[in-house]
Amino acid sequence: MDENRKKPDKDGEAKRLASENIMKMVFMVAASASVVSVLLICIFLFINGFPAMYEIGIKDFLTGTLWAPGDVPASYGILPMIAGSLAVTTGAILLGVPVGLLTAVFMSHYCPRKFYGFLKPALELLAGIPSVVYGFFGLMVLVPFIRNIFGGNGYSILTASLLLGIMILPTIAGVSEAALKAVPEQYYEGALALGATHERAVFTSVLPAARSGILASVVLGTGRAVGETMAVIMIAGNQARMPVSILKGVRTMTANIVLEMGYAADLHRGALIATGVVLFIFILAINIIFNMLGRKAAE
């Protein structure tokens, strides 16, 4: 009797271990897919971009202020596009991060339940709107608004920054809200027990404790702003020149690639791929910087 009981137990244990090993393999393959994808993208960019960058000259490519592929001789300086991307992204962060963070604080500690049931889906809907719809909104609403209030033709750094600030708002608000709600309730209650007001407890105890999550939201929002293409093409002016005013048009690196890749060939095509390499390194540097800041904040 005992032997007959042990055999089914052993068989069940073996099946359980086999199923666990299979699921481990499935999870490992799924986790490795993202790593492999990044490696393939890196290999493609570097193999196709570095030869063109070397032929043009790394210094001339990165610091040149003239982008004129059709001239003889051709010129492939992407400094205006780098500066344009930095200007638009910086403006979007300055406009979007404070509003998104304050929205997250309101939703997590101040928002009435009835209003929360409306605000949360609205933010999620805002995150799901296609880029071209944002661009159309900017073209029909923001461009005339900026033109009438500040002058110029409306296709400018300010317009692009304002639109990108709206676009990154749901990302920053959603991730920051989750980070604030993940802070243990004892932080807030302890601050109240020490005599702090509701506002002081939220901003001096809960908010600092959620620093890493808030930084993650800023990283995601910055990545969205840097990589945005369609909306920026429609309202930024697409002028390959150094930024001279927030009311003047610029061209970003992403816009430069999209606008010219359709007809580019030979060295011109290689220069556009090399622009993608610079953009990739740019986003990687942003992630590294924010990770370092997050570690210092945690320490």
C-alpha atoms as a PDB file:
ATOM      1  CA  MET A   1       0.000   0.000   0.000  1.00  0.00           C
ATOM      2  CA  ASP A   2       2.776   2.451   0.929  1.00  0.00           C
ATOM      3  CA  GLU A   3       4.685   1.756  -2.285  1.00  0.00           C
ATOM      4  CA  ASN A   4       1.563   2.335  -4.381  1.00  0.00           C
ATOM      5  CA  ARG A   5       1.012   5.671  -2.667  1.00  0.00           C
ATOM      6  CA  LYS A   6       4.593   6.808  -3.138  1.00  0.00           C
ATOM      7  CA  LYS A   7       4.602   6.095  -6.872  1.00  0.00           C
ATOM      8  CA  PRO A   8       1.781   8.574  -7.720  1.00  0.00           C
ATOM      9  CA  ASP A   9       3.444  11.141  -5.451  1.00  0.00           C
ATOM     10  CA  LYS A  10       6.746  10.733  -7.276  1.00  0.00           C
ATOM     11  CA  ASP A  11       5.028  10.926 -10.645  1.00  0.00           C
ATOM     12  CA  GLY A  12       3.193  14.096  -9.619  1.00  0.00           C
ATOM     13  CA  GLU A  13       6.403  15.656  -8.329  1.00  0.00           C
ATOM     14  CA  ALA A  14       8.198  14.836 -11.575  1.00  0.00           C
ATOM     15  CA  LYS A  15       5.406  16.373 -13.650  1.00  0.00           C
ATOM     16  CA  ARG A  16       5.422  19.492 -11.484  1.00  0.00           C
ATOM     17  CA  LEU A  17       9.186  19.914 -11.845  1.00  0.00           C
ATOM     18  CA  ALA A  18       8.953  19.344 -15.595  1.00  0.00           C
ATOM     19  CA  SER A  19       6.212  21.988 -15.962  1.00  0.00           C
ATOM     20  CA  GLU A  20       8.211  24.451 -13.832  1.00  0.00           C
ATOM     21  CA  ASN A  21      11.296  23.926 -15.997  1.00  0.00           C
ATOM     22  CA  ILE A  22       9.251  24.453 -19.148  1.00  0.00           C
ATOM     23  CA  MET A  23       7.783  27.694 -17.788  1.00  0.00           C
ATOM     24  CA  LYS A  24      11.239  28.866 -16.733  1.00  0.00           C
ATOM     25  CA  MET A  25      12.410  28.379 -20.304  1.00  0.00           C
ATOM     26  CA  VAL A  26       9.377  30.240 -21.652  1.00  0.00           C
ATOM     27  CA  PHE A  27       9.968  33.162 -19.283  1.00  0.00           C
ATOM     28  CA  MET A  28      13.682  33.208 -20.128  1.00  0.00           C
ATOM     29  CA  VAL A  29      12.951  33.338 -23.859  1.00  0.00           C
ATOM     30  CA  ALA A  30      10.431  36.139 -23.328  1.00  0.00           C
ATOM     31  CA  ALA A  31      12.865  38.115 -21.182  1.00  0.00           C
ATOM     32  CA  SER A  32      15.709  37.566 -23.657  1.00  0.00           C
ATOM     33  CA  ALA A  33      13.619  38.783 -26.593  1.00  0.00           C
ATOM     34  CA  SER A  34      13.928  42.426 -25.538  1.00  0.00           C
ATOM     35  CA  VAL A  35      17.685  42.105 -25.036  1.00  0.00           C
ATOM     36  CA  VAL A  36      18.126  40.443 -28.420  1.00  0.00           C
ATOM     37  CA  SER A  37      15.983  43.132 -30.069  1.00  0.00           C
ATOM     38  CA  VAL A  38      18.124  45.913 -28.617  1.00  0.00           C
ATOM     39  CA  LEU A  39      21.307  44.147 -29.710  1.00  0.00           C
ATOM     40  CA  LEU A  40      19.991  43.698 -33.258  1.00  0.00           C
ATOM     41  CA  ILE A  41      19.038  47.376 -33.444  1.00  0.00           C
ATOM     42  CA  CYS A  42      22.484  48.381 -32.172  1.00  0.00           C
ATOM     43  CA  ILE A  43      24.236  46.128 -34.679  1.00  0.00           C
ATOM     44  CA  PHE A  44      22.166  47.461 -37.580  1.00  0.00           C
ATOM     45  CA  LEU A  45      22.695  51.101 -36.613  1.00  0.00           C
ATOM     46  CA  PHE A  46      26.415  50.823 -35.952  1.00  0.00           C
ATOM     47  CA  ILE A  47      27.217  48.727 -39.024  1.00  0.00           C
ATOM     48  CA  ASN A  48      25.337  51.092 -41.345  1.00  0.00           C
ATOM     49  CA  GLY A  49      25.977  54.375 -39.540  1.00  0.00           C
ATOM     50  CA  PHE A  50      29.626  54.402 -38.534  1.00  0.00           C
ATOM     51  CA  PRO A  51      31.072  54.020 -42.081  1.00  0.00           C
ATOM     52  CA  ALA A  52      29.149  57.105 -43.223  1.00  0.00           C
ATOM     53  CA  MET A  53      30.146  58.999 -40.081  1.00  0.00           C
ATOM     54  CA  TYR A  54      33.794  58.053 -40.691  1.00  0.00           C
ATOM     55  CA  GLU A  55      33.627  59.093 -44.357  1.00  0.00           C
ATOM     56  CA  ILE A  56      32.089  62.462 -43.538  1.00  0.00           C
ATOM     57  CA  GLY A  57      34.358  62.973 -40.540  1.00  0.00           C
ATOM     58  CA  ILE A  58      33.088  62.591 -36.999  1.00  0.00           C
ATOM     59  CA  LYS A  59      33.930  66.184 -36.098  1.00  0.00           C
ATOM     60  CA  ASP A  60      32.341  67.623 -39.253  1.00  0.00           C
ATOM     61  CA  PHE A  61      29.298  65.392 -38.802  1.00  0.00           C
ATOM     62  CA  LEU A  62      28.663  66.254 -35.156  1.00  0.00           C
ATOM     63  CA  THR A  63      29.699  69.908 -35.119  1.00  0.00           C
ATOM     64  CA  GLY A  64      28.885  71.013 -38.656  1.00  0.00           C
ATOM     65  CA  THR A  65      26.131  73.611 -38.866  1.00  0.00           C
ATOM     66  CA  LEU A  66      25.157  73.073 -42.515  1.00  0.00           C
ATOM     67  CA  TRP A  67      22.969  70.222 -43.710  1.00  0.00           C
ATOM     68  CA  ALA A  68      22.915  70.349 -47.514  1.00  0.00           C
ATOM     69  CA  PRO A  69      22.968  66.868 -49.086  1.00  0.00           C
ATOM     70  CA  GLY A  70      22.126  68.244 -52.535  1.00  0.00           C
ATOM     71  CA  ASP A  71      25.040  70.708 -52.742  1.00  0.00           C
ATOM     72  CA  VAL A  72      28.309  70.032 -54.519  1.00  0.00           C
ATOM     73  CA  PRO A  73      30.189  69.203 -52.421  1.00  0.00           C
ATOM     74  CA  ALA A  74      27.499  67.933 -50.061  1.00  0.00           C
ATOM     75  CA  SER A  75      27.471  68.929 -46.394  1.00  0.00           C
ATOM     76  CA  TYR A  76      26.232  66.707 -43.577  1.00  0.00           C
ATOM     77  CA  GLY A  77      26.421  68.665 -40.340  1.00  0.00           C
ATOM     78  CA  ILE A  78      23.782  67.616 -37.802  1.00  0.00           C
ATOM     79  CA  LEU A  79      24.519  70.092 -35.008  1.00  0.00           C
ATOM     80  CA  PRO A  80      21.362  72.128 -35.856  1.00  0.00           C
ATOM     81  CA  MET A  81      19.260  68.957 -35.499  1.00  0.00           C
ATOM     82  CA  ILE A  82      20.954  68.008 -32.222  1.00  0.00           C
ATOM     83  CA  ALA A  83      20.359  71.516 -30.864  1.00  0.00           C
ATOM     84  CA  GLY A  84      16.771  71.461 -32.131  1.00  0.00           C
ATOM     85  CA  SER A  85      16.057  68.142 -30.421  1.00  0.00           C
ATOM     86  CA  LEU A  86      17.579  69.405 -27.166  1.00  0.00           C
ATOM     87  CA  ALA A  87      15.614  72.664 -27.320  1.00  0.00           C
ATOM     88  CA  VAL A  88      12.257  71.006 -28.006  1.00  0.00           C
ATOM     89  CA  THR A  89      12.816  68.232 -25.451  1.00  0.00           C
ATOM     90  CA  THR A  90      13.936  70.675 -22.755  1.00  0.00           C
ATOM     91  CA  GLY A  91      10.883  72.824 -23.343  1.00  0.00           C
ATOM     92  CA  ALA A  92       8.606  69.785 -23.165  1.00  0.00           C
ATOM     93  CA  ILE A  93      10.163  68.668 -19.872  1.00  0.00           C
ATOM     94  CA  LEU A  94       9.898  72.146 -18.345  1.00  0.00           C
ATOM     95  CA  LEU A  95       6.221  72.323 -19.294  1.00  0.00           C
ATOM     96  CA  GLY A  96       5.126  68.711 -18.860  1.00  0.00           C
ATOM     97  CA  VAL A  97       6.965  67.450 -15.768  1.00  0.00           C
ATOM     98  CA  PRO A  98       5.630  69.975 -13.198  1.00  0.00           C
ATOM     99  CA  VAL A  99       2.059  69.633 -14.464  1.00  0.00           C
ATOM    100  CA  GLY A 100       2.298  65.842 -14.617  1.00  0.00           C
ATOM    101  CA  LEU A 101       3.796  65.565 -11.143  1.00  0.00           C
ATOM    102  CA  LEU A 102       1.223  67.870  -9.567  1.00  0.00           C
ATOM    103  CA  THR A 103      -1.510  65.917 -11.359  1.00  0.00           C
ATOM    104  CA  ALA A 104      -0.146  62.704  -9.853  1.00  0.00           C
ATOM    105  CA  VAL A 105      -0.095  64.235  -6.364  1.00  0.00           C
ATOM    106  CA  PHE A 106      -3.674  65.444  -6.796  1.00  0.00           C
ATOM    107  CA  MET A 107      -4.878  62.052  -8.027  1.00  0.00           C
ATOM    108  CA  SER A 108      -3.156  60.096  -5.271  1.00  0.00           C
ATOM    109  CA  HIS A 109      -3.904  62.295  -2.225  1.00  0.00           C
ATOM    110  CA  TYR A 110      -6.461  65.001  -3.029  1.00  0.00           C
ATOM    111  CA  CYS A 111      -8.835  63.839  -5.759  1.00  0.00           C
ATOM    112  CA  PRO A 112     -12.434  62.983  -4.723  1.00  0.00           C
ATOM    113  CA  ARG A 113     -13.514  59.495  -5.731  1.00  0.00           C
ATOM    114  CA  LYS A 114     -16.210  60.683  -8.114  1.00  0.00           C
ATOM    115  CA  PHE A 115     -13.837  62.998  -9.952  1.00  0.00           C
ATOM    116  CA  TYR A 116     -11.100  60.341  -9.961  1.00  0.00           C
ATOM    117  CA  GLY A 117     -13.414  58.019 -11.877  1.00  0.00           C
ATOM    118  CA  PHE A 118     -13.497  60.639 -14.647  1.00  0.00           C
ATOM    119  CA  LEU A 119      -9.906  61.927 -14.480  1.00  0.00           C
ATOM    120  CA  LYS A 120      -8.130  58.558 -14.631  1.00  0.00           C
ATOM    121  CA  PRO A 121      -9.828  57.351 -17.847  1.00  0.00           C
ATOM    122  CA  ALA A 122      -9.290  60.798 -19.375  1.00  0.00           C
ATOM    123  CA  LEU A 123      -5.532  60.537 -18.776  1.00  0.00           C
ATOM    124  CA  GLU A 124      -5.466  57.011 -20.177  1.00  0.00           C
ATOM    125  CA  LEU A 125      -7.350  58.205 -23.241  1.00  0.00           C
ATOM    126  CA  LEU A 126      -4.851  61.052 -23.619  1.00  0.00           C
ATOM    127  CA  ALA A 127      -2.034  58.502 -23.687  1.00  0.00           C
ATOM    128  CA  GLY A 128      -3.745  56.502 -26.424  1.00  0.00           C
ATOM    129  CA  ILE A 129      -4.323  59.338 -28.900  1.00  0.00           C
ATOM    130  CA  PRO A 130      -2.201  58.832 -32.066  1.00  0.00           C
ATOM    131  CA  SER A 131       0.665  61.230 -32.716  1.00  0.00           C
ATOM    132  CA  VAL A 132      -0.814  62.470 -35.979  1.00  0.00           C
ATOM    133  CA  VAL A 133      -3.980  63.544 -34.118  1.00  0.00           C
ATOM    134  CA  TYR A 134      -1.830  65.505 -31.671  1.00  0.00           C
ATOM    135  CA  GLY A 135      -0.039  67.032 -34.632  1.00  0.00           C
ATOM    136  CA  PHE A 136      -3.322  68.008 -36.262  1.00  0.00           C
ATOM    137  CA  PHE A 137      -4.467  69.596 -32.983  1.00  0.00           C
ATOM    138  CA  GLY A 138      -1.202  71.529 -32.798  1.00  0.00           C
ATOM    139  CA  LEU A 139      -1.539  72.617 -36.422  1.00  0.00           C
ATOM    140  CA  MET A 140      -5.126  73.826 -36.086  1.00  0.00           C
ATOM    141  CA  VAL A 141      -5.078  75.186 -32.515  1.00  0.00           C
ATOM    142  CA  LEU A 142      -1.600  75.769 -31.086  1.00  0.00           C
ATOM    143  CA  VAL A 143       0.064  77.240 -34.178  1.00  0.00           C
ATOM    144  CA  PRO A 144      -2.583  79.997 -34.618  1.00  0.00           C
ATOM    145  CA  PHE A 145      -2.621  80.590 -30.855  1.00  0.00           C
ATOM    146  CA  ILE A 146       1.161  81.102 -30.676  1.00  0.00           C
ATOM    147  CA  ARG A 147       1.076  83.211 -33.852  1.00  0.00           C
ATOM    148  CA  ASN A 148      -1.620  85.536 -32.485  1.00  0.00           C
ATOM    149  CA  ILE A 149      -0.206  85.842 -28.950  1.00  0.00           C
ATOM    150  CA  PHE A 150       3.581  85.907 -29.476  1.00  0.00           C
ATOM    151  CA  GLY A 151       4.011  86.691 -33.163  1.00  0.00           C
ATOM    152  CA  GLY A 152       5.948  84.858 -35.837  1.00  0.00           C
ATOM    153  CA  ASN A 153       4.409  82.229 -38.064  1.00  0.00           C
ATOM    154  CA  GLY A 154       3.555  79.877 -35.178  1.00  0.00           C
ATOM    155  CA  TYR A 155       5.788  77.020 -36.352  1.00  0.00           C
ATOM    156  CA  SER A 156       8.350  77.200 -33.595  1.00  0.00           C
ATOM    157  CA  ILE A 157      10.207  75.625 -30.688  1.00  0.00           C
ATOM    158  CA  LEU A 158       7.584  76.986 -28.292  1.00  0.00           C
ATOM    159  CA  THR A 159       4.714  75.345 -30.175  1.00  0.00           C
ATOM    160  CA  ALA A 160       6.503  72.001 -30.403  1.00  0.00           C
ATOM    161  CA  SER A 161       7.480  72.139 -26.722  1.00  0.00           C
ATOM    162  CA  LEU A 162       3.920  72.924 -25.675  1.00  0.00           C
ATOM    163  CA  LEU A 163       2.495  70.051 -27.702  1.00  0.00           C
ATOM    164  CA  LEU A 164       5.127  67.570 -26.515  1.00  0.00           C
ATOM    165  CA  GLY A 165       4.496  68.707 -22.938  1.00  0.00           C
ATOM    166  CA  ILE A 166       0.849  67.716 -23.414  1.00  0.00           C
ATOM    167  CA  MET A 167       1.863  64.403 -25.001  1.00  0.00           C
ATOM    168  CA  ILE A 168       4.169  63.338 -22.150  1.00  0.00           C
ATOM    169  CA  LEU A 169       1.694  64.451 -19.473  1.00  0.00           C
ATOM    170  CA  PRO A 170      -0.199  61.121 -19.160  1.00  0.00           C
ATOM    171  CA  THR A 171       3.038  59.118 -18.962  1.00  0.00           C
ATOM    172  CA  ILE A 172       4.491  61.240 -16.172  1.00  0.00           C
ATOM    173  CA  ALA A 173       1.200  61.518 -14.276  1.00  0.00           C
ATOM    174  CA  GLY A 174       0.403  57.796 -14.511  1.00  0.00           C
ATOM    175  CA  VAL A 175       3.805  56.460 -13.467  1.00  0.00           C
ATOM    176  CA  SER A 176       4.238  59.086 -10.745  1.00  0.00           C
ATOM    177  CA  GLU A 177       0.804  58.331  -9.330  1.00  0.00           C
ATOM    178  CA  ALA A 178       1.649  54.616  -9.137  1.00  0.00           C
ATOM    179  CA  ALA A 179       4.923  55.466  -7.387  1.00  0.00           C
ATOM    180  CA  LEU A 180       3.155  57.710  -4.862  1.00  0.00           C
ATOM    181  CA  LYS A 181       0.514  55.074  -4.093  1.00  0.00           C
ATOM    182  CA  ALA A 182       3.253  52.456  -3.609  1.00  0.00           C
ATOM    183  CA  VAL A 183       4.754  54.425  -0.691  1.00  0.00           C
ATOM    184  CA  PRO A 184       3.791  52.707   2.607  1.00  0.00           C
ATOM    185  CA  GLU A 185       0.982  54.444   4.449  1.00  0.00           C
ATOM    186  CA  GLN A 186       3.185  54.627   7.556  1.00  0.00           C
ATOM    187  CA  TYR A 187       5.215  57.444   5.982  1.00  0.00           C
ATOM    188  CA  TYR A 188       2.152  59.646   5.732  1.00  0.00           C
ATOM    189  CA  GLU A 189       0.718  58.627   9.105  1.00  0.00           C
ATOM    190  CA  GLY A 190       4.065  59.130  10.837  1.00  0.00           C
ATOM    191  CA  ALA A 191       4.334  62.652   9.465  1.00  0.00           C
ATOM    192  CA  LEU A 192       0.823  63.436  10.699  1.00  0.00           C
ATOM    193  CA  ALA A 193       1.671  61.982  14.128  1.00  0.00           C
ATOM    194  CA  LEU A 194       4.617  64.383  14.346  1.00  0.00           C
ATOM    195  CA  GLY A 195       2.289  67.333  13.786  1.00  0.00           C
ATOM    196  CA  ALA A 196       2.628  67.870  10.024  1.00  0.00           C
ATOM    197  CA  THR A 197      -0.320  69.113   8.004  1.00  0.00           C
ATOM    198  CA  HIS A 198      -1.748  67.073   5.151  1.00  0.00           C
ATOM    199  CA  GLU A 199       0.163  69.112   2.556  1.00  0.00           C
ATOM    200  CA  ARG A 200       3.428  68.958   4.484  1.00  0.00           C
ATOM    201  CA  ALA A 201       3.104  65.198   5.014  1.00  0.00           C
ATOM    202  CA  VAL A 202       2.529  64.619   1.296  1.00  0.00           C
ATOM    203  CA  PHE A 203       5.290  66.891   0.021  1.00  0.00           C
ATOM    204  CA  THR A 204       7.967  66.202   2.658  1.00  0.00           C
ATOM    205  CA  SER A 205       7.399  62.511   3.404  1.00  0.00           C
ATOM    206  CA  VAL A 206       5.504  60.739   0.623  1.00  0.00           C
ATOM    207  CA  LEU A 207       6.933  62.626  -2.357  1.00  0.00           C
ATOM    208  CA  PRO A 208      10.623  62.112  -1.461  1.00  0.00           C
ATOM    209  CA  ALA A 209       9.943  58.418  -0.773  1.00  0.00           C
ATOM    210  CA  ALA A 210       8.600  58.035  -4.332  1.00  0.00           C
ATOM    211  CA  ARG A 211      11.630  59.700  -5.884  1.00  0.00           C
ATOM    212  CA  SER A 212      12.822  56.690  -7.871  1.00  0.00           C
ATOM    213  CA  GLY A 213       9.409  56.121  -9.450  1.00  0.00           C
ATOM    214  CA  ILE A 214       9.064  59.804 -10.286  1.00  0.00           C
ATOM    215  CA  LEU A 215      12.478  59.790 -11.959  1.00  0.00           C
ATOM    216  CA  ALA A 216      11.386  56.752 -13.953  1.00  0.00           C
ATOM    217  CA  SER A 217       8.355  58.686 -15.168  1.00  0.00           C
ATOM    218  CA  VAL A 218      10.589  61.576 -16.234  1.00  0.00           C
ATOM    219  CA  VAL A 219      12.840  59.151 -18.141  1.00  0.00           C
ATOM    220  CA  LEU A 220       9.856  57.672 -19.963  1.00  0.00           C
ATOM    221  CA  GLY A 221       8.459  61.108 -20.723  1.00  0.00           C
ATOM    222  CA  THR A 222      11.825  62.339 -21.983  1.00  0.00           C
ATOM    223  CA  GLY A 223      12.155  59.302 -24.224  1.00  0.00           C
ATOM    224  CA  ARG A 224       8.698  59.995 -25.653  1.00  0.00           C
ATOM    225  CA  ALA A 225       9.602  63.641 -26.293  1.00  0.00           C
ATOM    226  CA  VAL A 226      12.969  62.865 -27.901  1.00  0.00           C
ATOM    227  CA  GLY A 227      11.575  60.135 -30.126  1.00  0.00           C
ATOM    228  CA  GLU A 228       8.400  61.883 -31.237  1.00  0.00           C
ATOM    229  CA  THR A 229       8.337  62.500 -34.982  1.00  0.00           C
ATOM    230  CA  MET A 230       4.979  63.016 -36.681  1.00  0.00           C
ATOM    231  CA  ALA A 231       3.598  65.710 -34.381  1.00  0.00           C
ATOM    232  CA  VAL A 232       6.903  67.592 -34.402  1.00  0.00           C
ATOM    233  CA  ILE A 233       7.129  67.494 -38.193  1.00  0.00           C
ATOM    234  CA  MET A 234       3.720  69.139 -38.457  1.00  0.00           C
ATOM    235  CA  ILE A 235       4.372  72.111 -36.167  1.00  0.00           C
ATOM    236  CA  ALA A 236       8.121  72.662 -35.582  1.00  0.00           C
ATOM    237  CA  GLY A 237       8.883  74.366 -38.893  1.00  0.00           C
ATOM    238  CA  ASN A 238      11.449  71.782 -40.112  1.00  0.00           C
ATOM    239  CA  GLN A 239      14.190  74.324 -40.725  1.00  0.00           C
ATOM    240  CA  ALA A 240      17.683  72.831 -40.489  1.00  0.00           C
ATOM    241  CA  ARG A 241      19.296  75.738 -38.667  1.00  0.00           C
ATOM    242  CA  MET A 242      20.629  76.495 -35.224  1.00  0.00           C
ATOM    243  CA  PRO A 243      17.944  77.595 -32.736  1.00  0.00           C
ATOM    244  CA  VAL A 244      17.996  81.351 -32.333  1.00  0.00           C
ATOM    245  CA  SER A 245      14.639  81.958 -30.648  1.00  0.00           C
ATOM    246  CA  ILE A 246      11.811  79.930 -29.158  1.00  0.00           C
ATOM    247  CA  LEU A 247       9.554  81.576 -31.754  1.00  0.00           C
ATOM    248  CA  LYS A 248      11.625  80.276 -34.677  1.00  0.00           C
ATOM    249  CA  GLY A 249      11.344  76.913 -36.383  1.00  0.00           C
ATOM    250  CA  VAL A 250      13.827  74.056 -35.986  1.00  0.00           C
ATOM    251  CA  ARG A 251      14.313  70.518 -37.229  1.00  0.00           C
ATOM    252  CA  THR A 252      14.836  67.619 -34.852  1.00  0.00           C
ATOM    253  CA  MET A 253      16.914  64.504 -35.520  1.00  0.00           C
ATOM    254  CA  THR A 254      13.847  62.298 -35.847  1.00  0.00           C
ATOM    255  CA  ALA A 255      12.186  64.715 -38.258  1.00  0.00           C
ATOM    256  CA  ASN A 256      15.355  64.903 -40.341  1.00  0.00           C
ATOM    257  CA  ILE A 257      15.449  61.113 -40.730  1.00  0.00           C
ATOM    258  CA  VAL A 258      11.772  60.778 -41.644  1.00  0.00           C
ATOM    259  CA  LEU A 259      11.686  63.703 -44.071  1.00  0.00           C
ATOM    260  CA  GLU A 260      14.657  62.577 -46.165  1.00  0.00           C
ATOM    261  CA  MET A 261      14.964  58.801 -45.825  1.00  0.00           C
ATOM    262  CA  GLY A 262      12.404  58.175 -48.582  1.00  0.00           C
ATOM    263  CA  TYR A 263      14.662  59.539 -51.325  1.00  0.00           C
ATOM    264  CA  ALA A 264      18.126  59.289 -49.736  1.00  0.00           C
ATOM    265  CA  ALA A 265      20.827  57.101 -51.259  1.00  0.00           C
ATOM    266  CA  ASP A 266      24.493  56.238 -50.774  1.00  0.00           C
ATOM    267  CA  LEU A 267      26.253  58.644 -48.386  1.00  0.00           C
ATOM    268  CA  HIS A 268      23.078  60.642 -47.776  1.00  0.00           C
ATOM    269  CA  ARG A 269      21.300  57.500 -46.569  1.00  0.00           C
ATOM    270  CA  GLY A 270      24.300  56.561 -44.429  1.00  0.00           C
ATOM    271  CA  ALA A 271      24.305  60.032 -42.868  1.00  0.00           C
ATOM    272  CA  LEU A 272      20.650  59.637 -41.895  1.00  0.00           C
ATOM    273  CA  ILE A 273      21.349  56.254 -40.314  1.00  0.00           C
ATOM    274  CA  ALA A 274      24.299  57.825 -38.502  1.00  0.00           C
ATOM    275  CA  THR A 275      21.863  60.445 -37.209  1.00  0.00           C
ATOM    276  CA  GLY A 276      19.888  57.532 -35.784  1.00  0.00           C
ATOM    277  CA  VAL A 277      23.070  56.333 -34.051  1.00  0.00           C
ATOM    278  CA  VAL A 278      23.505  59.753 -32.433  1.00  0.00           C
ATOM    279  CA  LEU A 279      19.848  59.730 -31.375  1.00  0.00           C
ATOM    280  CA  PHE A 280      20.250  56.239 -29.889  1.00  0.00           C
ATOM    281  CA  ILE A 281      23.340  57.308 -27.925  1.00  0.00           C
ATOM    282  CA  PHE A 282      21.533  60.467 -26.844  1.00  0.00           C
ATOM    283  CA  ILE A 283      18.603  58.503 -25.375  1.00  0.00           C
ATOM    284  CA  LEU A 284      21.007  56.004 -23.777  1.00  0.00           C
ATOM    285  CA  ALA A 285      22.900  58.857 -22.102  1.00  0.00           C
ATOM    286  CA  ILE A 286      19.631  60.284 -20.746  1.00  0.00           C
ATOM    287  CA  ASN A 287      18.731  56.909 -19.231  1.00  0.00           C
ATOM    288  CA  ILE A 288      22.179  56.529 -17.651  1.00  0.00           C
ATOM    289  CA  ILE A 289      22.053  60.026 -16.149  1.00  0.00           C
ATOM    290  CA  PHE A 290      18.607  59.512 -14.638  1.00  0.00           C
ATOM    291  CA  ASN A 291      19.598  56.071 -13.302  1.00  0.00           C
ATOM    292  CA  MET A 292      22.595  57.650 -11.584  1.00  0.00           C
ATOM    293  CA  LEU A 293      20.368  60.342 -10.114  1.00  0.00           C
ATOM    294  CA  GLY A 294      17.927  57.691  -8.938  1.00  0.00           C
ATOM    295  CA  ARG A 295      20.694  55.744  -7.188  1.00  0.00           C
ATOM    296  CA  LYS A 296      21.960  58.871  -5.466  1.00  0.00           C
ATOM    297  CA  ALA A 297      18.434  59.711  -4.369  1.00  0.00           C
ATOM    298  CA  ALA A 298      17.965  56.198  -2.987  1.00  0.00           C
ATOM    299  CA  GLU A 299      21.231  56.428  -1.073  1.00  0.00           C
END
